[in-house]
Amino acid sequence: MCGKLVRDFIPDFIRADGLEPDVEVLEGTAYEQALDAKLLEEAIEVQAALTTEQKLEELADLEEVALARLESLGFTPEDRERVRLEKAAKRGGFAARLFLKVSKE
């Protein structure tokens, strides 16, 4: 069976259109795998977005899925922020806009 992880209210929208959605509640590894797949889907949608408003919307979606993934791993947004700041202190951020060229030998 094919499908994808959807936001909580999507089945309600489908029902409002007079249809009955075929949904299941995922647990454990199946949920984690679906979240990982959704992260990739949202990242691709960020890349494909054409306007700044579309980019903003897709980045918000990406953040929502990332928060769910954090929670599934037992972490909090504060944990993520601590690690982000530690990495930024050690390796920097992206403010300098540096692009490393790699030669193909």
N, C-alpha and C. Protein backbone atom coordinates (compact mmCIF):
# COMPACT_ATOMS: atom_id res chain seq x y z
N MET A 1 0.84 -1.18 0.00
CA MET A 1 0.00 0.00 0.00
C MET A 1 0.87 1.24 0.00
N CYS A 2 0.55 2.18 -0.83
CA CYS A 2 1.28 3.44 -0.90
C CYS A 2 0.58 4.47 -0.04
N GLY A 3 1.33 5.47 0.37
CA GLY A 3 0.76 6.54 1.15
C GLY A 3 1.85 7.45 1.67
N LYS A 4 1.45 8.38 2.51
CA LYS A 4 2.42 9.29 3.10
C LYS A 4 1.86 9.84 4.40
N LEU A 5 2.74 10.31 5.23
CA LEU A 5 2.38 10.94 6.48
C LEU A 5 1.71 12.28 6.17
N VAL A 6 0.60 12.55 6.84
CA VAL A 6 -0.11 13.81 6.63
C VAL A 6 -0.38 14.49 7.96
N ARG A 7 -0.67 15.78 7.89
CA ARG A 7 -1.01 16.54 9.09
C ARG A 7 -2.31 15.99 9.69
N ASP A 8 -2.47 16.24 10.98
CA ASP A 8 -3.57 15.67 11.77
C ASP A 8 -4.96 15.95 11.23
N PHE A 9 -5.19 17.12 10.64
CA PHE A 9 -6.54 17.50 10.23
C PHE A 9 -6.87 17.12 8.78
N ILE A 10 -5.91 16.60 8.03
CA ILE A 10 -6.14 16.26 6.62
C ILE A 10 -7.30 15.27 6.46
N PRO A 11 -7.41 14.22 7.28
CA PRO A 11 -8.57 13.33 7.12
C PRO A 11 -9.91 14.06 7.30
N ASP A 12 -9.94 15.06 8.19
CA ASP A 12 -11.17 15.84 8.37
C ASP A 12 -11.53 16.61 7.10
N PHE A 13 -10.53 17.16 6.44
CA PHE A 13 -10.78 17.89 5.19
C PHE A 13 -11.33 16.94 4.12
N ILE A 14 -10.79 15.74 4.08
CA ILE A 14 -11.25 14.74 3.11
C ILE A 14 -12.69 14.36 3.41
N ARG A 15 -13.00 14.15 4.69
CA ARG A 15 -14.38 13.84 5.08
C ARG A 15 -15.34 14.98 4.72
N ALA A 16 -14.88 16.22 4.89
CA ALA A 16 -15.71 17.39 4.57
C ALA A 16 -16.06 17.42 3.09
N ASP A 17 -15.21 16.79 2.27
CA ASP A 17 -15.48 16.69 0.83
C ASP A 17 -16.37 15.49 0.50
N GLY A 18 -16.87 14.80 1.54
CA GLY A 18 -17.78 13.68 1.33
C GLY A 18 -17.11 12.35 1.08
N LEU A 19 -15.81 12.26 1.34
CA LEU A 19 -15.08 11.01 1.12
C LEU A 19 -14.65 10.44 2.46
N GLU A 20 -14.31 9.17 2.46
CA GLU A 20 -13.81 8.53 3.68
C GLU A 20 -12.34 8.14 3.47
N PRO A 21 -11.43 8.81 4.19
CA PRO A 21 -10.01 8.51 3.99
C PRO A 21 -9.64 7.16 4.60
N ASP A 22 -8.68 6.51 3.98
CA ASP A 22 -8.13 5.25 4.49
C ASP A 22 -6.84 5.60 5.23
N VAL A 23 -6.92 5.70 6.55
CA VAL A 23 -5.76 6.11 7.34
C VAL A 23 -5.44 5.05 8.39
N GLU A 24 -4.20 5.05 8.81
CA GLU A 24 -3.79 4.22 9.94
C GLU A 24 -2.87 5.05 10.81
N VAL A 25 -2.84 4.75 12.08
CA VAL A 25 -1.94 5.41 13.01
C VAL A 25 -0.64 4.63 13.06
N LEU A 26 0.45 5.31 12.75
CA LEU A 26 1.75 4.65 12.74
C LEU A 26 2.39 4.69 14.12
N GLU A 27 3.15 3.68 14.41
CA GLU A 27 3.88 3.60 15.68
C GLU A 27 5.32 3.21 15.41
N GLY A 28 6.17 3.48 16.35
CA GLY A 28 7.55 3.01 16.35
C GLY A 28 8.32 3.30 15.08
N THR A 29 8.97 2.27 14.57
CA THR A 29 9.84 2.39 13.42
C THR A 29 9.08 2.88 12.18
N ALA A 30 7.85 2.42 12.00
CA ALA A 30 7.07 2.84 10.83
C ALA A 30 6.84 4.35 10.86
N TYR A 31 6.54 4.90 12.05
CA TYR A 31 6.34 6.34 12.19
C TYR A 31 7.64 7.09 11.94
N GLU A 32 8.74 6.60 12.50
CA GLU A 32 10.03 7.26 12.32
C GLU A 32 10.45 7.27 10.84
N GLN A 33 10.23 6.15 10.15
CA GLN A 33 10.56 6.09 8.73
C GLN A 33 9.68 7.04 7.92
N ALA A 34 8.40 7.13 8.29
CA ALA A 34 7.49 8.05 7.59
C ALA A 34 7.90 9.50 7.83
N LEU A 35 8.34 9.81 9.05
CA LEU A 35 8.83 11.17 9.34
C LEU A 35 10.09 11.48 8.52
N ASP A 36 11.00 10.54 8.44
CA ASP A 36 12.22 10.75 7.65
C ASP A 36 11.88 10.99 6.18
N ALA A 37 10.95 10.22 5.65
CA ALA A 37 10.51 10.40 4.26
C ALA A 37 9.85 11.77 4.09
N LYS A 38 9.07 12.19 5.09
CA LYS A 38 8.39 13.49 5.01
C LYS A 38 9.40 14.63 5.07
N LEU A 39 10.47 14.46 5.85
CA LEU A 39 11.52 15.48 5.89
C LEU A 39 12.12 15.69 4.50
N LEU A 40 12.41 14.59 3.81
CA LEU A 40 12.95 14.69 2.45
C LEU A 40 11.94 15.34 1.51
N GLU A 41 10.67 14.94 1.61
CA GLU A 41 9.62 15.51 0.77
C GLU A 41 9.54 17.03 0.97
N GLU A 42 9.56 17.46 2.22
CA GLU A 42 9.45 18.90 2.50
C GLU A 42 10.69 19.65 2.03
N ALA A 43 11.86 19.06 2.19
CA ALA A 43 13.09 19.71 1.72
C ALA A 43 13.06 19.90 0.20
N ILE A 44 12.56 18.91 -0.51
CA ILE A 44 12.43 19.01 -1.97
C ILE A 44 11.44 20.11 -2.32
N GLU A 45 10.35 20.22 -1.55
CA GLU A 45 9.36 21.26 -1.80
C GLU A 45 9.93 22.65 -1.54
N VAL A 46 10.81 22.79 -0.54
CA VAL A 46 11.49 24.07 -0.31
C VAL A 46 12.30 24.42 -1.55
N GLN A 47 13.05 23.46 -2.05
CA GLN A 47 13.90 23.69 -3.21
C GLN A 47 13.07 24.05 -4.44
N ALA A 48 11.91 23.46 -4.60
CA ALA A 48 11.08 23.65 -5.79
C ALA A 48 10.22 24.92 -5.71
N ALA A 49 10.03 25.46 -4.53
CA ALA A 49 9.18 26.65 -4.37
C ALA A 49 9.73 27.81 -5.21
N LEU A 50 8.83 28.53 -5.85
CA LEU A 50 9.24 29.58 -6.79
C LEU A 50 9.27 30.98 -6.17
N THR A 51 8.41 31.25 -5.21
CA THR A 51 8.34 32.59 -4.62
C THR A 51 8.84 32.55 -3.18
N THR A 52 9.16 33.72 -2.65
CA THR A 52 9.60 33.78 -1.26
C THR A 52 8.49 33.35 -0.31
N GLU A 53 7.25 33.68 -0.63
CA GLU A 53 6.12 33.25 0.21
C GLU A 53 5.98 31.73 0.19
N GLN A 54 6.15 31.11 -0.98
CA GLN A 54 6.10 29.66 -1.06
C GLN A 54 7.25 29.04 -0.27
N LYS A 55 8.43 29.65 -0.38
CA LYS A 55 9.60 29.15 0.38
C LYS A 55 9.30 29.21 1.87
N LEU A 56 8.71 30.33 2.33
CA LEU A 56 8.38 30.48 3.74
C LEU A 56 7.41 29.38 4.19
N GLU A 57 6.38 29.14 3.40
CA GLU A 57 5.40 28.11 3.75
C GLU A 57 6.04 26.73 3.81
N GLU A 58 6.89 26.43 2.85
CA GLU A 58 7.53 25.11 2.83
C GLU A 58 8.55 24.97 3.96
N LEU A 59 9.24 26.05 4.29
CA LEU A 59 10.16 26.00 5.43
C LEU A 59 9.40 25.78 6.74
N ALA A 60 8.21 26.38 6.85
CA ALA A 60 7.37 26.15 8.03
C ALA A 60 6.96 24.68 8.11
N ASP A 61 6.60 24.09 6.96
CA ASP A 61 6.26 22.67 6.93
C ASP A 61 7.46 21.81 7.34
N LEU A 62 8.62 22.16 6.83
CA LEU A 62 9.84 21.43 7.15
C LEU A 62 10.10 21.49 8.66
N GLU A 63 9.93 22.67 9.23
CA GLU A 63 10.13 22.84 10.67
C GLU A 63 9.13 22.00 11.48
N GLU A 64 7.89 21.95 11.03
CA GLU A 64 6.86 21.15 11.73
C GLU A 64 7.25 19.68 11.75
N VAL A 65 7.72 19.17 10.63
CA VAL A 65 8.12 17.76 10.57
C VAL A 65 9.38 17.55 11.40
N ALA A 66 10.32 18.49 11.36
CA ALA A 66 11.54 18.36 12.16
C ALA A 66 11.21 18.32 13.65
N LEU A 67 10.25 19.13 14.07
CA LEU A 67 9.84 19.12 15.48
C LEU A 67 9.24 17.76 15.86
N ALA A 68 8.42 17.20 14.98
CA ALA A 68 7.84 15.88 15.24
C ALA A 68 8.94 14.82 15.32
N ARG A 69 9.95 14.95 14.45
CA ARG A 69 11.05 13.96 14.46
C ARG A 69 11.86 14.09 15.73
N LEU A 70 12.12 15.32 16.16
CA LEU A 70 12.82 15.54 17.43
C LEU A 70 12.09 14.83 18.56
N GLU A 71 10.78 15.06 18.62
CA GLU A 71 9.96 14.46 19.67
C GLU A 71 10.00 12.93 19.59
N SER A 72 9.97 12.38 18.38
CA SER A 72 9.99 10.93 18.23
C SER A 72 11.29 10.33 18.73
N LEU A 73 12.34 11.13 18.75
CA LEU A 73 13.64 10.68 19.24
C LEU A 73 13.84 10.97 20.73
N GLY A 74 12.86 11.64 21.33
CA GLY A 74 12.96 11.97 22.75
C GLY A 74 13.66 13.27 23.05
N PHE A 75 13.82 14.12 22.04
CA PHE A 75 14.48 15.41 22.22
C PHE A 75 13.46 16.54 22.20
N THR A 76 13.91 17.70 22.67
CA THR A 76 13.07 18.90 22.69
C THR A 76 13.68 19.95 21.76
N PRO A 77 12.91 20.98 21.43
CA PRO A 77 13.49 22.08 20.66
C PRO A 77 14.68 22.72 21.38
N GLU A 78 14.65 22.71 22.69
CA GLU A 78 15.78 23.27 23.45
C GLU A 78 17.03 22.41 23.26
N ASP A 79 16.87 21.10 23.20
CA ASP A 79 18.00 20.21 22.92
C ASP A 79 18.59 20.54 21.56
N ARG A 80 17.72 20.68 20.56
CA ARG A 80 18.17 21.00 19.21
C ARG A 80 18.91 22.32 19.18
N GLU A 81 18.38 23.32 19.87
CA GLU A 81 19.01 24.64 19.88
C GLU A 81 20.38 24.60 20.54
N ARG A 82 20.50 23.83 21.62
CA ARG A 82 21.80 23.69 22.29
C ARG A 82 22.83 23.08 21.34
N VAL A 83 22.45 22.02 20.64
CA VAL A 83 23.37 21.38 19.70
C VAL A 83 23.68 22.31 18.53
N ARG A 84 22.67 23.03 18.04
CA ARG A 84 22.89 23.98 16.95
C ARG A 84 23.92 25.03 17.34
N LEU A 85 23.77 25.58 18.54
CA LEU A 85 24.71 26.60 19.01
C LEU A 85 26.11 26.05 19.21
N GLU A 86 26.20 24.82 19.74
CA GLU A 86 27.51 24.19 19.91
C GLU A 86 28.20 24.01 18.56
N LYS A 87 27.46 23.52 17.57
CA LYS A 87 28.04 23.33 16.23
C LYS A 87 28.44 24.66 15.61
N ALA A 88 27.59 25.66 15.79
CA ALA A 88 27.91 26.99 15.23
C ALA A 88 29.17 27.55 15.87
N ALA A 89 29.34 27.33 17.17
CA ALA A 89 30.54 27.82 17.85
C ALA A 89 31.79 27.11 17.35
N LYS A 90 31.68 25.81 17.05
CA LYS A 90 32.83 25.03 16.60
C LYS A 90 33.11 25.15 15.11
N ARG A 91 32.05 25.20 14.29
CA ARG A 91 32.21 25.12 12.84
C ARG A 91 31.70 26.34 12.10
N GLY A 92 31.01 27.23 12.81
CA GLY A 92 30.44 28.41 12.17
C GLY A 92 29.04 28.12 11.67
N GLY A 93 28.45 29.17 11.11
CA GLY A 93 27.11 29.05 10.53
C GLY A 93 27.22 29.18 9.02
N PHE A 94 26.29 29.90 8.44
CA PHE A 94 26.28 30.08 6.99
C PHE A 94 26.21 31.55 6.61
N ALA A 95 26.45 32.43 7.57
CA ALA A 95 26.35 33.87 7.33
C ALA A 95 27.35 34.36 6.28
N ALA A 96 28.51 33.74 6.20
CA ALA A 96 29.53 34.18 5.25
C ALA A 96 29.23 33.73 3.82
N ARG A 97 28.25 32.85 3.65
CA ARG A 97 27.81 32.39 2.32
C ARG A 97 28.93 31.71 1.53
N LEU A 98 29.78 30.97 2.20
CA LEU A 98 30.92 30.34 1.56
C LEU A 98 30.49 29.10 0.78
N PHE A 99 31.04 28.96 -0.42
CA PHE A 99 30.77 27.81 -1.29
C PHE A 99 32.10 27.15 -1.57
N LEU A 100 32.30 25.93 -1.07
CA LEU A 100 33.57 25.22 -1.24
C LEU A 100 33.55 24.51 -2.59
N LYS A 101 34.49 24.86 -3.42
CA LYS A 101 34.62 24.22 -4.74
C LYS A 101 35.43 22.95 -4.59
N VAL A 102 34.94 21.89 -5.19
CA VAL A 102 35.61 20.59 -5.13
C VAL A 102 36.02 20.21 -6.53
N SER A 103 37.32 19.96 -6.69
CA SER A 103 37.80 19.57 -8.03
C SER A 103 37.46 18.11 -8.27
N LYS A 104 37.15 17.81 -9.50
CA LYS A 104 36.84 16.43 -9.89
C LYS A 104 38.05 15.85 -10.59
N GLU A 105 38.75 14.98 -9.89
CA GLU A 105 39.96 14.39 -10.47
C GLU A 105 39.74 12.96 -10.85
